[in-house]
């Protein structure tokens, strides 16, 4: 074997050995009963958070899309939306905070939402780029004891779904921390660099409970 052939095999083996597999949740069509429940590593009793995910969807036009929902028996504690007009938002038990950013599409987008109760500072990162800071729900606390689901907006405790608000597309790499991560850490995460694993949700180890027509597939990064 030539020296070139040996080097090629070494490089190829290194690339294959270093590949990373990640699970991806695919919601193939609009539905009023399809969702995935995520089981947290610790109670969602939060006075700050960073919530990140990668999403891709071909849904267009004036349609609400739920991206993440955490509900207790009486309240929507934390919901993340794409609004009718394309803005992204999150809601903490009441009125939301809104970010005017480029619309989501079929090409995967990395999103991170951060919030701190002490200052009320709320920000959105899209593919590592930071939005302007909004002041929202200063002094508020997210309460524990609920359920986190992907794919649907529960108007009651794990019920009351509306198919016209359901998520259609692909979502993965959903991670959550009980603190606000630094801008540089979020940029590293967006670029697939190694960062500390989520201590509320760690996508690599979080247990998923699948309900309805949804597929969990593995892909190599």
Protein backbone atom coordinates (compact mmCIF):
# COMPACT_ATOMS: atom_id res chain seq x y z
CA UNK A 1 0.00 0.00 0.00
CA UNK A 2 1.27 3.47 -0.84
CA UNK A 3 2.00 6.09 1.80
CA UNK A 4 -0.97 8.11 0.48
CA UNK A 5 -3.27 5.11 0.97
CA UNK A 6 -2.08 4.60 4.55
CA UNK A 7 -2.60 8.27 5.39
CA UNK A 8 -6.06 8.22 3.80
CA UNK A 9 -7.11 5.24 5.94
CA UNK A 10 -5.76 6.87 9.10
CA UNK A 11 -7.61 10.13 8.43
CA UNK A 12 -10.82 8.31 7.48
CA UNK A 13 -10.70 6.15 10.60
CA UNK A 14 -10.12 9.21 12.78
CA UNK A 15 -13.12 11.01 11.30
CA UNK A 16 -15.37 7.98 11.71
CA UNK A 17 -14.15 7.34 15.25
CA UNK A 18 -14.80 10.97 16.14
CA UNK A 19 -18.34 11.12 14.73
CA UNK A 20 -21.14 11.98 17.12
CA UNK A 21 -24.65 10.53 16.95
CA UNK A 22 -27.60 12.62 18.13
CA UNK A 23 -31.26 11.71 18.41
CA UNK A 24 -33.74 13.85 16.49
CA UNK A 25 -37.51 14.01 16.96
CA UNK A 26 -39.51 14.22 13.72
CA UNK A 27 -43.15 15.34 13.71
CA UNK A 28 -44.24 14.45 10.14
CA UNK A 29 -47.68 16.06 10.03
CA UNK A 30 -50.16 18.29 11.82
CA UNK A 31 -51.85 16.49 14.70
CA UNK A 32 -53.94 17.05 17.81
CA UNK A 33 -52.59 14.03 19.72
CA UNK A 34 -48.91 13.64 18.84
CA UNK A 35 -46.32 14.81 21.36
CA UNK A 36 -43.13 13.87 23.18
CA UNK A 37 -42.81 14.23 26.95
CA UNK A 38 -39.35 15.08 28.32
CA UNK A 39 -38.45 13.93 31.83
CA UNK A 40 -36.28 16.52 33.64
CA UNK A 41 -33.20 15.74 35.69
CA UNK A 42 -34.34 18.10 38.45
CA UNK A 43 -37.55 20.00 39.33
CA UNK A 44 -38.21 23.09 37.23
CA UNK A 45 -38.17 25.48 40.17
CA UNK A 46 -36.36 28.24 38.32
CA UNK A 47 -35.37 31.86 38.88
CA UNK A 48 -33.16 31.83 35.80
CA UNK A 49 -32.70 29.60 32.78
CA UNK A 50 -31.08 29.01 29.43
CA UNK A 51 -33.19 26.90 27.07
CA UNK A 52 -31.68 25.82 23.74
CA UNK A 53 -32.84 23.70 20.81
CA UNK A 54 -32.33 23.06 17.11
CA UNK A 55 -35.45 23.28 14.95
CA UNK A 56 -36.43 23.01 11.29
CA UNK A 57 -39.93 23.38 9.87
CA UNK A 58 -41.54 23.92 6.49
CA UNK A 59 -44.64 25.51 8.01
CA UNK A 60 -45.17 28.99 6.61
CA UNK A 61 -47.75 31.74 6.67
CA UNK A 62 -49.82 33.04 9.57
CA UNK A 63 -49.73 30.02 11.84
CA UNK A 64 -48.73 29.69 15.48
CA UNK A 65 -46.20 26.94 16.21
CA UNK A 66 -45.48 25.66 19.69
CA UNK A 67 -41.78 24.88 20.19
CA UNK A 68 -41.67 23.97 23.90
CA UNK A 69 -44.36 23.69 26.57
CA UNK A 70 -44.08 23.33 30.34
CA UNK A 71 -47.40 23.27 32.17
CA UNK A 72 -48.43 22.64 35.76
CA UNK A 73 -52.02 21.72 36.59
CA UNK A 74 -53.15 25.34 36.61
CA UNK A 75 -50.66 27.39 34.57
CA UNK A 76 -48.56 27.49 31.42
CA UNK A 77 -45.31 28.00 33.32
CA UNK A 78 -43.03 28.29 30.27
CA UNK A 79 -44.13 28.15 26.63
CA UNK A 80 -41.99 28.97 23.59
CA UNK A 81 -43.75 29.97 20.36
CA UNK A 82 -43.37 31.05 16.81
CA UNK A 83 -46.11 33.67 16.59
CA UNK A 84 -48.58 34.28 13.75
CA UNK A 85 -46.36 37.07 12.39
CA UNK A 86 -43.16 35.01 12.56
CA UNK A 87 -41.76 36.52 15.76
CA UNK A 88 -40.37 34.18 18.41
CA UNK A 89 -41.57 34.47 21.99
CA UNK A 90 -41.76 32.86 25.38
CA UNK A 91 -44.40 33.14 28.08
CA UNK A 92 -44.05 32.76 31.84
CA UNK A 93 -47.54 32.34 33.36
CA UNK A 94 -49.17 35.21 31.49
CA UNK A 95 -48.14 37.79 28.93
CA UNK A 96 -45.12 36.97 26.80
CA UNK A 97 -41.92 38.59 25.60
CA UNK A 98 -41.39 38.86 21.83
CA UNK A 99 -38.38 38.90 19.52
CA UNK A 100 -38.48 40.09 15.92
CA UNK A 101 -35.94 37.88 14.17
CA UNK A 102 -35.62 36.07 10.80
CA UNK A 103 -38.35 33.47 10.40
CA UNK A 104 -37.74 29.78 11.01
CA UNK A 105 -37.54 27.57 7.93
CA UNK A 106 -36.58 24.14 6.60
CA UNK A 107 -32.88 24.74 7.29
CA UNK A 108 -31.98 23.89 10.88
CA UNK A 109 -31.77 26.86 13.24
CA UNK A 110 -30.14 26.86 16.67
CA UNK A 111 -32.15 28.81 19.26
CA UNK A 112 -31.36 29.76 22.85
CA UNK A 113 -33.66 31.69 25.19
CA UNK A 114 -32.28 33.15 28.41
CA UNK A 115 -34.01 34.80 31.35
CA UNK A 116 -32.95 36.02 34.80
CA UNK A 117 -35.51 36.83 37.48
CA UNK A 118 -33.23 39.19 39.40
CA UNK A 119 -32.86 41.67 36.55
CA UNK A 120 -35.73 40.56 34.33
CA UNK A 121 -33.26 40.34 31.42
CA UNK A 122 -34.59 38.17 28.58
CA UNK A 123 -32.69 37.46 25.37
CA UNK A 124 -32.83 35.25 22.31
CA UNK A 125 -29.87 33.80 20.44
CA UNK A 126 -30.36 32.62 16.86
CA UNK A 127 -27.46 30.61 15.42
CA UNK A 128 -25.21 32.21 18.02
CA UNK A 129 -26.27 35.80 17.31
CA UNK A 130 -27.75 37.70 20.24
CA UNK A 131 -30.93 39.77 20.19
CA UNK A 132 -31.44 43.01 22.06
CA UNK A 133 -32.29 42.52 25.74
CA UNK A 134 -35.89 42.80 26.93
CA UNK A 135 -36.93 43.34 30.56
CA UNK A 136 -39.58 40.78 31.45
CA UNK A 137 -41.14 39.32 34.61
CA UNK A 138 -38.61 40.71 37.08
CA UNK A 139 -38.92 38.86 40.39
CA UNK A 140 -40.96 35.99 38.90
CA UNK A 141 -40.23 32.29 39.55
CA UNK A 142 -41.04 29.26 37.41
CA UNK A 143 -42.76 26.65 39.57
CA UNK A 144 -42.09 22.93 39.66
CA UNK A 145 -44.54 20.04 39.48
CA UNK A 146 -45.56 20.10 35.83
CA UNK A 147 -44.93 18.30 32.55
CA UNK A 148 -42.68 19.31 29.65
CA UNK A 149 -43.76 18.33 26.15
CA UNK A 150 -42.65 18.94 22.58
CA UNK A 151 -45.11 19.14 19.70
CA UNK A 152 -48.27 20.44 21.39
CA UNK A 153 -49.60 23.30 23.52
CA UNK A 154 -51.58 21.81 26.44
CA UNK A 155 -54.51 24.04 27.38
CA UNK A 156 -55.10 21.66 30.27
CA UNK A 157 -52.76 19.26 32.06
CA UNK A 158 -51.52 17.08 29.15
CA UNK A 159 -54.70 17.76 27.20
CA UNK A 160 -56.69 20.34 25.26
CA UNK A 161 -54.42 20.16 22.21
CA UNK A 162 -55.12 22.14 19.04
CA UNK A 163 -53.70 20.63 15.86
CA UNK A 164 -53.49 24.09 14.26
CA UNK A 165 -50.83 25.02 16.85
CA UNK A 166 -48.90 21.74 16.72
CA UNK A 167 -45.27 21.53 15.68
CA UNK A 168 -44.50 19.98 12.30
CA UNK A 169 -40.86 19.40 11.43
CA UNK A 170 -37.71 18.33 13.21
CA UNK A 171 -36.44 19.25 16.67
CA UNK A 172 -33.35 18.11 18.54
CA UNK A 173 -30.61 19.09 20.97
CA UNK A 174 -33.07 20.44 23.56
CA UNK A 175 -30.99 21.41 26.58
CA UNK A 176 -31.78 23.50 29.63
CA UNK A 177 -29.79 25.00 32.49
CA UNK A 178 -31.00 26.67 35.70
CA UNK A 179 -28.73 29.66 35.04
CA UNK A 180 -27.95 32.12 32.26
CA UNK A 181 -25.04 30.86 30.18
CA UNK A 182 -22.45 33.28 28.84
CA UNK A 183 -22.71 34.60 25.30
CA UNK A 184 -19.49 32.80 24.36
CA UNK A 185 -20.81 29.45 25.66
CA UNK A 186 -23.97 29.84 23.59
CA UNK A 187 -21.92 30.71 20.50
CA UNK A 188 -19.80 27.59 21.08
CA UNK A 189 -22.93 25.48 21.40
CA UNK A 190 -24.32 26.87 18.17
CA UNK A 191 -21.07 25.87 16.42
CA UNK A 192 -21.27 22.32 17.84
CA UNK A 193 -18.33 22.89 20.18
CA UNK A 194 -18.27 21.14 23.54
CA UNK A 195 -20.08 22.96 26.38
CA UNK A 196 -21.24 21.97 29.90
CA UNK A 197 -24.21 19.63 29.70
CA UNK A 198 -27.64 20.85 30.71
CA UNK A 199 -28.49 20.27 34.38
CA UNK A 200 -32.28 20.48 33.89
CA UNK A 201 -32.44 18.78 30.49
CA UNK A 202 -29.46 17.10 28.87
CA UNK A 203 -30.53 15.93 25.41
CA UNK A 204 -27.98 13.11 25.37
CA UNK A 205 -29.44 11.44 28.46
CA UNK A 206 -32.97 12.86 28.89
CA UNK A 207 -35.68 10.21 28.73
CA UNK A 208 -38.33 10.82 26.06
CA UNK A 209 -41.88 9.43 26.15
CA UNK A 210 -43.33 9.32 22.63
CA UNK A 211 -47.08 9.59 22.02
CA UNK A 212 -48.70 9.28 18.58
CA UNK A 213 -47.25 9.70 15.10
CA UNK A 214 -43.73 10.86 15.88
CA UNK A 215 -40.37 9.29 15.10
CA UNK A 216 -37.11 9.47 17.05
CA UNK A 217 -34.24 8.94 14.61
CA UNK A 218 -30.48 8.99 15.06
CA UNK A 219 -28.17 11.02 12.86
CA UNK A 220 -24.44 11.60 12.77
CA UNK A 221 -23.12 15.12 13.18
